[in-house]
């Protein structure tokens, strides 16, 4: 899901803040582990698998945006996984990748210094994130069997696949229902709204939108 964050969120976490995030994460995982251990049933693992799948699926989603952007001849400036203050960043050539404190959303920022994408290119870039997730969903359903997705089971592998498929579906719904986010740089469309806006001419004063 695209999101432009205010400039104040670009300041990295201090060492103390990193420790606070780590402690909160450990407490959360401890409580989750305790819940799983009490009256354990394999079905309870679905919550854990859902949470574990969310961040990798976000990374896959943003990679889809970035790959199509590059394939269409545009430069990708930055990929951000999560929102809030940066935890860690690294570079892949000229591309900067950031991991942020709250792994719920992310965005891919294009470098529009040279040229703005055409309507079809813009639509393709916005659609690439949900598209690559939908492709993974189809592959998983095809390999596992569509009829087994809603079947109650004690198989840990099948529970994991069901949880990943559910996470993909939740991500697709939140990304494709058209809406916009207001932030320091103006109004930013999500993938669903961005796909719709890409099909129509944009006013000259409309702010840039990150897929």
N, C-alpha and C. Protein backbone atom coordinates (compact mmCIF):
# COMPACT_ATOMS: atom_id res chain seq x y z
N UNK A 1 0.84 -1.18 0.00
CA UNK A 1 0.00 0.00 0.00
C UNK A 1 0.88 1.24 0.00
N UNK A 2 0.63 2.20 -0.88
CA UNK A 2 1.48 3.37 -0.93
C UNK A 2 1.21 4.32 0.21
N UNK A 3 2.24 4.94 0.68
CA UNK A 3 2.09 5.90 1.77
C UNK A 3 3.28 6.83 1.74
N UNK A 4 3.05 8.15 1.79
CA UNK A 4 4.14 9.11 1.91
C UNK A 4 4.16 9.59 3.36
N UNK A 5 5.28 9.47 4.00
CA UNK A 5 5.38 9.79 5.42
C UNK A 5 5.91 11.19 5.64
N UNK A 6 5.48 11.87 6.71
CA UNK A 6 6.00 13.19 7.02
C UNK A 6 7.51 13.17 7.22
N UNK A 7 8.15 14.29 6.97
CA UNK A 7 9.60 14.36 7.04
C UNK A 7 10.12 14.01 8.43
N UNK A 8 9.35 14.32 9.49
CA UNK A 8 9.82 14.06 10.84
C UNK A 8 9.99 12.57 11.10
N UNK A 9 9.33 11.71 10.32
CA UNK A 9 9.45 10.27 10.50
C UNK A 9 10.73 9.72 9.87
N UNK A 10 11.49 10.56 9.17
CA UNK A 10 12.69 10.09 8.50
C UNK A 10 13.88 9.97 9.44
N UNK A 11 13.76 10.52 10.65
CA UNK A 11 14.86 10.45 11.60
C UNK A 11 14.94 9.05 12.20
N UNK A 12 16.09 8.37 12.12
CA UNK A 12 16.20 7.00 12.64
C UNK A 12 15.96 6.94 14.14
N UNK A 13 15.54 5.76 14.61
CA UNK A 13 15.36 5.56 16.04
C UNK A 13 16.70 5.65 16.77
N UNK A 14 16.64 6.19 17.97
CA UNK A 14 17.84 6.19 18.81
C UNK A 14 18.06 4.79 19.36
N UNK A 15 19.22 4.59 19.99
CA UNK A 15 19.52 3.29 20.56
C UNK A 15 18.49 2.89 21.63
N UNK A 16 18.10 3.86 22.47
CA UNK A 16 17.10 3.58 23.49
C UNK A 16 15.75 3.21 22.89
N UNK A 17 15.37 3.90 21.81
CA UNK A 17 14.10 3.59 21.15
C UNK A 17 14.14 2.22 20.50
N UNK A 18 15.30 1.85 19.96
CA UNK A 18 15.43 0.50 19.38
C UNK A 18 15.23 -0.57 20.45
N UNK A 19 15.82 -0.33 21.62
CA UNK A 19 15.64 -1.28 22.73
C UNK A 19 14.18 -1.35 23.15
N UNK A 20 13.50 -0.22 23.17
CA UNK A 20 12.08 -0.20 23.54
C UNK A 20 11.25 -1.02 22.55
N UNK A 21 11.55 -0.86 21.25
CA UNK A 21 10.84 -1.64 20.24
C UNK A 21 11.12 -3.13 20.44
N UNK A 22 12.38 -3.48 20.71
CA UNK A 22 12.74 -4.88 20.90
C UNK A 22 12.03 -5.48 22.12
N UNK A 23 11.96 -4.71 23.21
CA UNK A 23 11.29 -5.20 24.43
C UNK A 23 9.79 -5.40 24.17
N UNK A 24 9.17 -4.44 23.48
CA UNK A 24 7.74 -4.57 23.16
C UNK A 24 7.49 -5.80 22.29
N UNK A 25 8.39 -6.03 21.35
CA UNK A 25 8.24 -7.18 20.47
C UNK A 25 8.39 -8.48 21.25
N UNK A 26 9.37 -8.53 22.15
CA UNK A 26 9.58 -9.73 22.97
C UNK A 26 8.37 -9.99 23.87
N UNK A 27 7.82 -8.93 24.46
CA UNK A 27 6.63 -9.10 25.30
C UNK A 27 5.46 -9.63 24.49
N UNK A 28 5.26 -9.04 23.31
CA UNK A 28 4.16 -9.50 22.44
C UNK A 28 4.34 -10.96 22.06
N UNK A 29 5.56 -11.33 21.64
CA UNK A 29 5.81 -12.71 21.24
C UNK A 29 5.66 -13.65 22.43
N UNK A 30 6.07 -13.18 23.65
CA UNK A 30 5.91 -14.01 24.84
C UNK A 30 4.45 -14.28 25.14
N UNK A 31 3.62 -13.23 25.06
CA UNK A 31 2.19 -13.40 25.29
C UNK A 31 1.55 -14.30 24.25
N UNK A 32 1.97 -14.13 22.99
CA UNK A 32 1.45 -14.98 21.93
C UNK A 32 1.87 -16.43 22.15
N UNK A 33 3.14 -16.63 22.55
CA UNK A 33 3.61 -17.99 22.83
C UNK A 33 2.85 -18.63 23.97
N UNK A 34 2.57 -17.85 25.02
CA UNK A 34 1.81 -18.37 26.15
C UNK A 34 0.40 -18.77 25.73
N UNK A 35 -0.22 -17.94 24.88
CA UNK A 35 -1.56 -18.26 24.40
C UNK A 35 -1.57 -19.54 23.58
N UNK A 36 -0.53 -19.71 22.77
CA UNK A 36 -0.44 -20.92 21.95
C UNK A 36 -0.22 -22.16 22.81
N UNK A 37 0.54 -21.99 23.90
CA UNK A 37 0.90 -23.15 24.73
C UNK A 37 -0.27 -23.62 25.59
N UNK A 38 -1.17 -22.70 25.98
CA UNK A 38 -2.30 -23.07 26.82
C UNK A 38 -3.37 -23.76 25.96
N UNK A 39 -3.70 -24.98 26.33
CA UNK A 39 -4.67 -25.77 25.56
C UNK A 39 -4.31 -25.76 24.07
N UNK A 40 -3.06 -26.15 23.81
CA UNK A 40 -2.55 -26.07 22.43
C UNK A 40 -3.41 -26.87 21.46
N UNK A 41 -3.67 -26.25 20.33
CA UNK A 41 -4.31 -26.91 19.19
C UNK A 41 -3.64 -26.38 17.94
N UNK A 42 -3.38 -27.25 16.95
CA UNK A 42 -2.69 -26.79 15.73
C UNK A 42 -3.34 -25.58 15.08
N UNK A 43 -4.67 -25.47 15.19
CA UNK A 43 -5.37 -24.35 14.55
C UNK A 43 -4.91 -23.01 15.10
N UNK A 44 -4.45 -22.98 16.37
CA UNK A 44 -3.98 -21.73 16.96
C UNK A 44 -2.76 -21.17 16.24
N UNK A 45 -2.02 -22.04 15.55
CA UNK A 45 -0.82 -21.59 14.85
C UNK A 45 -1.15 -20.67 13.68
N UNK A 46 -2.40 -20.65 13.24
CA UNK A 46 -2.78 -19.82 12.10
C UNK A 46 -2.52 -18.34 12.38
N UNK A 47 -2.74 -17.91 13.64
CA UNK A 47 -2.48 -16.51 14.00
C UNK A 47 -1.00 -16.20 13.85
N UNK A 48 -0.15 -17.09 14.35
CA UNK A 48 1.30 -16.90 14.25
C UNK A 48 1.75 -16.86 12.79
N UNK A 49 1.25 -17.80 11.99
CA UNK A 49 1.64 -17.85 10.58
C UNK A 49 1.16 -16.60 9.83
N UNK A 50 -0.03 -16.12 10.19
CA UNK A 50 -0.56 -14.90 9.56
C UNK A 50 0.36 -13.72 9.84
N UNK A 51 0.76 -13.56 11.10
CA UNK A 51 1.63 -12.44 11.47
C UNK A 51 3.00 -12.56 10.83
N UNK A 52 3.54 -13.78 10.80
CA UNK A 52 4.86 -13.98 10.21
C UNK A 52 4.86 -13.73 8.70
N UNK A 53 3.71 -13.97 8.06
CA UNK A 53 3.63 -13.80 6.60
C UNK A 53 3.48 -12.35 6.18
N UNK A 54 2.99 -11.50 7.09
CA UNK A 54 2.59 -10.14 6.70
C UNK A 54 3.76 -9.32 6.14
N UNK A 55 4.87 -9.26 6.87
CA UNK A 55 6.01 -8.44 6.43
C UNK A 55 6.62 -8.97 5.13
N UNK A 56 6.87 -10.30 4.97
CA UNK A 56 7.37 -10.77 3.68
C UNK A 56 6.43 -10.49 2.52
N UNK A 57 5.12 -10.55 2.78
CA UNK A 57 4.16 -10.23 1.71
C UNK A 57 4.22 -8.75 1.35
N UNK A 58 4.43 -7.88 2.34
CA UNK A 58 4.63 -6.46 2.05
C UNK A 58 5.86 -6.25 1.18
N UNK A 59 6.94 -6.95 1.53
CA UNK A 59 8.17 -6.83 0.75
C UNK A 59 7.94 -7.30 -0.68
N UNK A 60 7.21 -8.41 -0.85
CA UNK A 60 6.89 -8.91 -2.18
C UNK A 60 6.04 -7.90 -2.94
N UNK A 61 5.07 -7.31 -2.26
CA UNK A 61 4.19 -6.31 -2.87
C UNK A 61 5.00 -5.12 -3.40
N UNK A 62 5.87 -4.58 -2.56
CA UNK A 62 6.68 -3.43 -2.99
C UNK A 62 7.69 -3.81 -4.06
N UNK A 63 8.18 -5.05 -4.01
CA UNK A 63 9.09 -5.53 -5.06
C UNK A 63 8.36 -5.57 -6.40
N UNK A 64 7.08 -5.93 -6.38
CA UNK A 64 6.30 -5.92 -7.62
C UNK A 64 6.22 -4.53 -8.21
N UNK A 65 5.92 -3.52 -7.37
CA UNK A 65 5.91 -2.14 -7.86
C UNK A 65 7.27 -1.75 -8.44
N UNK A 66 8.34 -2.08 -7.70
CA UNK A 66 9.68 -1.66 -8.12
C UNK A 66 10.10 -2.33 -9.42
N UNK A 67 9.84 -3.62 -9.56
CA UNK A 67 10.27 -4.35 -10.76
C UNK A 67 9.58 -3.83 -12.01
N UNK A 68 8.27 -3.57 -11.91
CA UNK A 68 7.55 -3.05 -13.07
C UNK A 68 7.99 -1.62 -13.38
N UNK A 69 8.24 -0.82 -12.33
CA UNK A 69 8.75 0.53 -12.55
C UNK A 69 10.07 0.51 -13.31
N UNK A 70 10.98 -0.37 -12.90
CA UNK A 70 12.27 -0.49 -13.58
C UNK A 70 12.10 -1.02 -15.00
N UNK A 71 11.20 -1.99 -15.17
CA UNK A 71 10.99 -2.57 -16.49
C UNK A 71 10.44 -1.54 -17.48
N UNK A 72 9.73 -0.55 -16.97
CA UNK A 72 9.16 0.49 -17.83
C UNK A 72 10.12 1.65 -18.04
N UNK A 73 11.33 1.54 -17.52
CA UNK A 73 12.36 2.53 -17.79
C UNK A 73 12.43 3.68 -16.80
N UNK A 74 11.77 3.55 -15.65
CA UNK A 74 11.82 4.59 -14.63
C UNK A 74 12.72 4.12 -13.48
N UNK A 75 13.29 5.08 -12.78
CA UNK A 75 14.19 4.74 -11.67
C UNK A 75 13.41 4.71 -10.36
N UNK A 76 13.72 3.71 -9.54
CA UNK A 76 13.12 3.61 -8.22
C UNK A 76 14.07 4.27 -7.23
N UNK A 77 13.55 5.22 -6.47
CA UNK A 77 14.37 5.96 -5.53
C UNK A 77 14.48 5.26 -4.18
N UNK A 78 13.35 4.71 -3.70
CA UNK A 78 13.35 4.14 -2.36
C UNK A 78 12.20 3.16 -2.20
N UNK A 79 12.46 2.07 -1.46
CA UNK A 79 11.43 1.13 -1.04
C UNK A 79 11.38 1.16 0.48
N UNK A 80 10.20 1.33 1.03
CA UNK A 80 10.04 1.38 2.48
C UNK A 80 9.06 0.29 2.92
N UNK A 81 9.47 -0.52 3.89
CA UNK A 81 8.63 -1.56 4.45
C UNK A 81 8.24 -1.13 5.86
N UNK A 82 6.95 -0.91 6.08
CA UNK A 82 6.49 -0.43 7.38
C UNK A 82 6.31 1.07 7.38
N UNK A 83 5.89 1.62 8.52
CA UNK A 83 5.80 3.07 8.66
C UNK A 83 6.25 3.46 10.06
N UNK A 84 6.34 4.77 10.27
CA UNK A 84 6.90 5.26 11.51
C UNK A 84 8.39 5.56 11.33
N UNK A 85 9.15 5.49 12.40
CA UNK A 85 10.56 5.82 12.38
C UNK A 85 11.38 4.66 11.80
N UNK A 86 12.45 4.97 11.04
CA UNK A 86 13.28 3.91 10.44
C UNK A 86 14.02 3.11 11.50
N UNK A 87 14.03 1.78 11.32
CA UNK A 87 14.80 0.88 12.17
C UNK A 87 16.15 0.57 11.55
N UNK A 88 16.13 0.29 10.23
CA UNK A 88 17.34 -0.18 9.56
C UNK A 88 17.20 0.11 8.08
N UNK A 89 18.28 0.42 7.43
CA UNK A 89 18.25 0.67 5.99
C UNK A 89 19.51 0.12 5.34
N UNK A 90 19.40 -0.20 4.07
CA UNK A 90 20.55 -0.65 3.30
C UNK A 90 20.33 -0.26 1.84
N UNK A 91 21.37 -0.37 1.04
CA UNK A 91 21.28 0.04 -0.37
C UNK A 91 21.54 -1.13 -1.29
N UNK A 92 20.77 -1.17 -2.37
CA UNK A 92 21.00 -2.11 -3.46
C UNK A 92 21.35 -1.27 -4.69
N UNK A 93 22.65 -1.04 -4.89
CA UNK A 93 23.06 -0.10 -5.92
C UNK A 93 22.63 1.30 -5.51
N UNK A 94 21.84 1.96 -6.37
CA UNK A 94 21.34 3.29 -6.05
C UNK A 94 19.99 3.25 -5.32
N UNK A 95 19.45 2.06 -5.14
CA UNK A 95 18.15 1.90 -4.50
C UNK A 95 18.31 1.79 -2.99
N UNK A 96 17.60 2.63 -2.25
CA UNK A 96 17.62 2.57 -0.79
C UNK A 96 16.41 1.78 -0.30
N UNK A 97 16.64 0.83 0.59
CA UNK A 97 15.58 0.02 1.19
C UNK A 97 15.55 0.32 2.68
N UNK A 98 14.37 0.66 3.20
CA UNK A 98 14.21 1.01 4.61
C UNK A 98 13.23 0.06 5.28
N UNK A 99 13.58 -0.37 6.50
CA UNK A 99 12.65 -1.11 7.35
C UNK A 99 12.25 -0.18 8.48
N UNK A 100 10.94 -0.02 8.67
CA UNK A 100 10.45 0.93 9.67
C UNK A 100 9.81 0.21 10.85
N UNK A 101 9.52 0.99 11.88
CA UNK A 101 9.17 0.43 13.19
C UNK A 101 7.87 -0.37 13.19
N UNK A 102 6.88 0.04 12.42
CA UNK A 102 5.57 -0.62 12.47
C UNK A 102 5.30 -1.28 11.11
N UNK A 103 5.44 -2.61 11.02
CA UNK A 103 5.36 -3.30 9.73
C UNK A 103 3.93 -3.58 9.27
N UNK A 104 3.18 -2.51 8.98
CA UNK A 104 1.81 -2.68 8.53
C UNK A 104 1.60 -2.22 7.09
N UNK A 105 2.33 -1.22 6.64
CA UNK A 105 2.18 -0.68 5.30
C UNK A 105 3.57 -0.38 4.74
N UNK A 106 3.61 0.01 3.50
CA UNK A 106 4.88 0.37 2.88
C UNK A 106 4.65 1.18 1.63
N UNK A 107 5.71 1.60 0.98
CA UNK A 107 5.57 2.31 -0.28
C UNK A 107 6.85 2.20 -1.09
N UNK A 108 6.69 2.44 -2.38
CA UNK A 108 7.81 2.50 -3.32
C UNK A 108 7.80 3.88 -3.96
N UNK A 109 8.91 4.58 -3.88
CA UNK A 109 8.96 5.94 -4.41
C UNK A 109 9.77 5.97 -5.71
N UNK A 110 9.15 6.51 -6.74
CA UNK A 110 9.80 6.64 -8.03
C UNK A 110 10.57 7.95 -8.12
N UNK A 111 11.56 7.96 -8.98
CA UNK A 111 12.27 9.20 -9.31
C UNK A 111 11.65 9.72 -10.60
N UNK A 112 10.89 10.82 -10.49
CA UNK A 112 10.19 11.38 -11.65
C UNK A 112 10.93 12.56 -12.25
N UNK A 113 12.24 12.63 -12.00
CA UNK A 113 13.02 13.76 -12.50
C UNK A 113 13.04 13.80 -14.02
N UNK A 114 13.04 12.63 -14.65
CA UNK A 114 13.17 12.58 -16.10
C UNK A 114 11.83 12.69 -16.82
N UNK A 115 10.88 11.84 -16.44
CA UNK A 115 9.59 11.86 -17.13
C UNK A 115 8.53 11.21 -16.27
N UNK A 116 7.30 11.64 -16.46
CA UNK A 116 6.17 11.05 -15.75
C UNK A 116 5.66 9.85 -16.54
N UNK A 117 5.28 8.76 -15.88
CA UNK A 117 4.78 7.60 -16.61
C UNK A 117 3.50 7.91 -17.38
N UNK A 118 3.31 7.21 -18.48
CA UNK A 118 2.06 7.33 -19.23
C UNK A 118 0.92 6.74 -18.40
N UNK A 119 -0.31 6.93 -18.88
CA UNK A 119 -1.45 6.39 -18.13
C UNK A 119 -1.36 4.88 -17.99
N UNK A 120 -1.03 4.18 -19.09
CA UNK A 120 -0.93 2.73 -19.04
C UNK A 120 0.22 2.29 -18.13
N UNK A 121 1.34 3.00 -18.22
CA UNK A 121 2.47 2.67 -17.36
C UNK A 121 2.13 2.90 -15.89
N UNK A 122 1.46 4.02 -15.60
CA UNK A 122 1.06 4.30 -14.23
C UNK A 122 0.12 3.24 -13.69
N UNK A 123 -0.85 2.84 -14.52
CA UNK A 123 -1.78 1.78 -14.12
C UNK A 123 -1.01 0.49 -13.83
N UNK A 124 -0.07 0.14 -14.70
CA UNK A 124 0.70 -1.09 -14.54
C UNK A 124 1.53 -1.07 -13.26
N UNK A 125 2.12 0.09 -12.95
CA UNK A 125 2.94 0.20 -11.75
C UNK A 125 2.08 0.04 -10.49
N UNK A 126 0.93 0.70 -10.47
CA UNK A 126 0.03 0.56 -9.32
C UNK A 126 -0.48 -0.88 -9.19
N UNK A 127 -0.78 -1.51 -10.32
CA UNK A 127 -1.36 -2.85 -10.29
C UNK A 127 -0.34 -3.93 -9.98
N UNK A 128 0.95 -3.62 -10.13
CA UNK A 128 1.98 -4.65 -9.98
C UNK A 128 2.05 -5.22 -8.57
N UNK A 129 1.87 -4.36 -7.54
CA UNK A 129 1.94 -4.84 -6.16
C UNK A 129 0.85 -5.86 -5.86
N UNK A 130 -0.44 -5.47 -6.02
CA UNK A 130 -1.50 -6.45 -5.82
C UNK A 130 -1.41 -7.62 -6.79
N UNK A 131 -0.93 -7.34 -8.01
CA UNK A 131 -0.85 -8.40 -9.02
C UNK A 131 0.09 -9.52 -8.62
N UNK A 132 1.27 -9.18 -8.07
CA UNK A 132 2.22 -10.22 -7.72
C UNK A 132 1.72 -11.02 -6.51
N UNK A 133 0.99 -10.37 -5.62
CA UNK A 133 0.39 -11.09 -4.50
C UNK A 133 -0.72 -12.02 -4.99
N UNK A 134 -1.55 -11.54 -5.93
CA UNK A 134 -2.62 -12.36 -6.48
C UNK A 134 -2.04 -13.57 -7.21
N UNK A 135 -0.91 -13.38 -7.90
CA UNK A 135 -0.25 -14.50 -8.58
C UNK A 135 0.21 -15.55 -7.58
N UNK A 136 0.80 -15.10 -6.47
CA UNK A 136 1.22 -16.05 -5.42
C UNK A 136 0.02 -16.78 -4.85
N UNK A 137 -1.10 -16.08 -4.66
CA UNK A 137 -2.32 -16.71 -4.15
C UNK A 137 -2.80 -17.81 -5.08
N UNK A 138 -2.83 -17.52 -6.37
CA UNK A 138 -3.27 -18.52 -7.35
C UNK A 138 -2.34 -19.73 -7.34
N UNK A 139 -1.04 -19.49 -7.24
CA UNK A 139 -0.07 -20.60 -7.21
C UNK A 139 -0.31 -21.48 -5.98
N UNK A 140 -0.46 -20.84 -4.80
CA UNK A 140 -0.68 -21.61 -3.58
C UNK A 140 -1.98 -22.40 -3.64
N UNK A 141 -3.04 -21.77 -4.14
CA UNK A 141 -4.33 -22.45 -4.24
C UNK A 141 -4.27 -23.61 -5.24
N UNK A 142 -3.53 -23.41 -6.32
CA UNK A 142 -3.41 -24.46 -7.33
C UNK A 142 -2.62 -25.66 -6.79
N UNK A 143 -1.56 -25.37 -6.04
CA UNK A 143 -0.73 -26.46 -5.50
C UNK A 143 -1.42 -27.20 -4.36
N UNK A 144 -2.17 -26.47 -3.55
CA UNK A 144 -2.79 -27.07 -2.37
C UNK A 144 -4.16 -27.66 -2.68
N UNK A 145 -4.86 -27.05 -3.59
CA UNK A 145 -6.23 -27.47 -3.87
C UNK A 145 -7.20 -26.46 -3.31
N UNK A 146 -8.04 -25.91 -4.18
CA UNK A 146 -8.96 -24.86 -3.77
C UNK A 146 -9.91 -25.34 -2.69
N UNK A 147 -10.31 -26.63 -2.73
CA UNK A 147 -11.29 -27.16 -1.79
C UNK A 147 -10.71 -27.33 -0.38
N UNK A 148 -9.39 -27.30 -0.23
CA UNK A 148 -8.77 -27.52 1.08
C UNK A 148 -8.54 -26.23 1.84
N UNK A 149 -8.79 -25.09 1.22
CA UNK A 149 -8.50 -23.82 1.87
C UNK A 149 -9.42 -23.54 3.05
N UNK A 150 -10.65 -24.03 3.01
CA UNK A 150 -11.61 -23.81 4.10
C UNK A 150 -11.82 -25.06 4.93
N UNK A 151 -10.94 -26.05 4.76
CA UNK A 151 -11.07 -27.31 5.49
C UNK A 151 -10.35 -27.23 6.83
N UNK A 152 -11.02 -27.63 7.89
CA UNK A 152 -10.38 -27.69 9.20
C UNK A 152 -9.39 -28.84 9.22
N UNK A 153 -8.19 -28.60 9.70
CA UNK A 153 -7.15 -29.61 9.62
C UNK A 153 -6.18 -29.47 10.80
N UNK A 154 -5.46 -30.56 11.08
CA UNK A 154 -4.38 -30.53 12.07
C UNK A 154 -3.02 -30.50 11.40
N UNK A 155 -2.99 -30.45 10.07
CA UNK A 155 -1.74 -30.39 9.34
C UNK A 155 -1.13 -28.99 9.47
N UNK A 156 0.06 -28.91 10.06
CA UNK A 156 0.70 -27.61 10.27
C UNK A 156 1.02 -26.95 8.93
N UNK A 157 1.42 -27.74 7.94
CA UNK A 157 1.75 -27.19 6.63
C UNK A 157 0.52 -26.56 5.98
N UNK A 158 -0.61 -27.28 6.03
CA UNK A 158 -1.83 -26.75 5.42
C UNK A 158 -2.33 -25.52 6.19
N UNK A 159 -2.20 -25.54 7.51
CA UNK A 159 -2.59 -24.37 8.31
C UNK A 159 -1.74 -23.16 7.92
N UNK A 160 -0.45 -23.39 7.70
CA UNK A 160 0.44 -22.30 7.29
C UNK A 160 0.02 -21.74 5.93
N UNK A 161 -0.29 -22.61 4.99
CA UNK A 161 -0.72 -22.16 3.67
C UNK A 161 -2.03 -21.40 3.75
N UNK A 162 -2.96 -21.91 4.56
CA UNK A 162 -4.24 -21.21 4.73
C UNK A 162 -4.04 -19.81 5.31
N UNK A 163 -3.13 -19.71 6.29
CA UNK A 163 -2.86 -18.41 6.93
C UNK A 163 -2.23 -17.44 5.94
N UNK A 164 -1.30 -17.93 5.13
CA UNK A 164 -0.66 -17.07 4.13
C UNK A 164 -1.69 -16.61 3.10
N UNK A 165 -2.55 -17.51 2.66
CA UNK A 165 -3.59 -17.13 1.69
C UNK A 165 -4.54 -16.10 2.29
N UNK A 166 -4.87 -16.25 3.58
CA UNK A 166 -5.74 -15.27 4.23
C UNK A 166 -5.04 -13.92 4.31
N UNK A 167 -3.75 -13.91 4.65
CA UNK A 167 -3.00 -12.66 4.71
C UNK A 167 -2.97 -11.98 3.34
N UNK A 168 -2.81 -12.77 2.28
CA UNK A 168 -2.81 -12.20 0.93
C UNK A 168 -4.17 -11.57 0.63
N UNK A 169 -5.24 -12.28 0.97
CA UNK A 169 -6.59 -11.76 0.69
C UNK A 169 -6.85 -10.47 1.45
N UNK A 170 -6.44 -10.40 2.72
CA UNK A 170 -6.61 -9.18 3.50
C UNK A 170 -5.83 -8.03 2.86
N UNK A 171 -4.59 -8.32 2.45
CA UNK A 171 -3.79 -7.30 1.79
C UNK A 171 -4.40 -6.83 0.48
N UNK A 172 -4.94 -7.75 -0.30
CA UNK A 172 -5.56 -7.37 -1.57
C UNK A 172 -6.77 -6.47 -1.35
N UNK A 173 -7.59 -6.82 -0.36
CA UNK A 173 -8.78 -6.01 -0.09
C UNK A 173 -8.39 -4.60 0.34
N UNK A 174 -7.45 -4.50 1.28
CA UNK A 174 -7.06 -3.17 1.78
C UNK A 174 -6.35 -2.35 0.71
N UNK A 175 -5.68 -3.01 -0.21
CA UNK A 175 -4.96 -2.27 -1.26
C UNK A 175 -5.85 -1.89 -2.44
N UNK A 176 -6.86 -2.69 -2.73
CA UNK A 176 -7.65 -2.46 -3.95
C UNK A 176 -8.90 -1.65 -3.70
N UNK A 177 -9.40 -1.58 -2.45
CA UNK A 177 -10.53 -0.69 -2.19
C UNK A 177 -10.02 0.75 -2.29
N UNK A 178 -10.51 1.54 -3.24
CA UNK A 178 -9.94 2.87 -3.48
C UNK A 178 -10.08 3.79 -2.27
N UNK A 179 -8.97 4.37 -1.84
CA UNK A 179 -8.99 5.40 -0.81
C UNK A 179 -7.67 6.16 -0.88
N UNK A 180 -7.60 7.26 -0.16
CA UNK A 180 -6.41 8.11 -0.18
C UNK A 180 -5.94 8.37 1.25
N UNK A 181 -4.64 8.67 1.38
CA UNK A 181 -4.03 8.99 2.67
C UNK A 181 -3.56 10.43 2.65
N UNK A 182 -3.92 11.20 3.67
CA UNK A 182 -3.46 12.58 3.77
C UNK A 182 -2.21 12.64 4.64
N UNK A 183 -1.19 13.35 4.17
CA UNK A 183 0.06 13.45 4.90
C UNK A 183 0.71 14.79 4.60
N UNK A 184 1.97 14.93 5.01
CA UNK A 184 2.65 16.22 4.90
C UNK A 184 2.80 16.69 3.46
N UNK A 185 2.85 15.76 2.51
CA UNK A 185 3.04 16.14 1.11
C UNK A 185 1.74 16.28 0.34
N UNK A 186 0.61 16.05 1.00
CA UNK A 186 -0.67 16.17 0.31
C UNK A 186 -1.46 14.87 0.39
N UNK A 187 -2.22 14.60 -0.66
CA UNK A 187 -3.07 13.42 -0.71
C UNK A 187 -2.40 12.36 -1.57
N UNK A 188 -2.31 11.15 -1.04
CA UNK A 188 -1.67 10.05 -1.77
C UNK A 188 -2.67 8.92 -1.97
N UNK A 189 -2.82 8.47 -3.20
CA UNK A 189 -3.76 7.40 -3.52
C UNK A 189 -3.17 6.03 -3.17
N UNK A 190 -4.03 5.12 -2.71
CA UNK A 190 -3.59 3.74 -2.56
C UNK A 190 -3.61 3.07 -3.93
N UNK A 191 -3.29 1.79 -3.99
CA UNK A 191 -3.18 1.12 -5.30
C UNK A 191 -4.50 1.14 -6.07
N UNK A 192 -5.61 0.85 -5.37
CA UNK A 192 -6.90 0.81 -6.06
C UNK A 192 -7.27 2.16 -6.65
N UNK A 193 -7.13 3.22 -5.84
CA UNK A 193 -7.44 4.56 -6.34
C UNK A 193 -6.42 5.00 -7.39
N UNK A 194 -5.16 4.64 -7.18
CA UNK A 194 -4.13 4.99 -8.16
C UNK A 194 -4.38 4.37 -9.52
N UNK A 195 -4.86 3.13 -9.53
CA UNK A 195 -5.18 2.48 -10.80
C UNK A 195 -6.30 3.21 -11.52
N UNK A 196 -7.31 3.66 -10.74
CA UNK A 196 -8.42 4.40 -11.35
C UNK A 196 -7.96 5.75 -11.88
N UNK A 197 -7.16 6.47 -11.05
CA UNK A 197 -6.70 7.80 -11.47
C UNK A 197 -5.77 7.73 -12.67
N UNK A 198 -5.04 6.63 -12.80
CA UNK A 198 -4.11 6.49 -13.92
C UNK A 198 -4.82 6.43 -15.26
N UNK A 199 -6.09 6.08 -15.24
CA UNK A 199 -6.84 5.94 -16.49
C UNK A 199 -7.38 7.27 -17.00
N UNK A 200 -7.27 8.33 -16.17
CA UNK A 200 -7.83 9.63 -16.55
C UNK A 200 -6.75 10.70 -16.49
N UNK A 201 -6.88 11.75 -17.28
CA UNK A 201 -5.88 12.84 -17.25
C UNK A 201 -5.83 13.46 -15.86
N UNK A 202 -4.61 13.83 -15.42
CA UNK A 202 -4.43 14.46 -14.12
C UNK A 202 -4.32 15.97 -14.27
N UNK A 203 -4.93 16.73 -13.36
CA UNK A 203 -4.76 18.18 -13.41
C UNK A 203 -3.30 18.56 -13.23
N UNK A 204 -2.86 19.67 -13.82
CA UNK A 204 -1.46 20.08 -13.73
C UNK A 204 -0.96 20.26 -12.29
N UNK A 205 -1.85 20.66 -11.36
CA UNK A 205 -1.40 20.93 -10.00
C UNK A 205 -1.57 19.74 -9.08
N UNK A 206 -1.90 18.58 -9.62
CA UNK A 206 -2.08 17.40 -8.76
C UNK A 206 -0.73 16.94 -8.24
N UNK A 207 -0.60 16.64 -6.95
CA UNK A 207 0.69 16.22 -6.41
C UNK A 207 1.09 14.84 -6.90
N UNK A 208 2.39 14.59 -6.91
CA UNK A 208 2.89 13.27 -7.29
C UNK A 208 2.38 12.25 -6.32
N UNK A 209 2.18 11.02 -6.83
CA UNK A 209 1.69 9.93 -6.00
C UNK A 209 2.64 8.76 -6.14
N UNK A 210 3.00 8.15 -5.00
CA UNK A 210 3.95 7.05 -5.01
C UNK A 210 3.21 5.73 -5.08
N UNK A 211 3.58 4.84 -6.03
CA UNK A 211 2.94 3.54 -6.07
C UNK A 211 3.48 2.63 -4.99
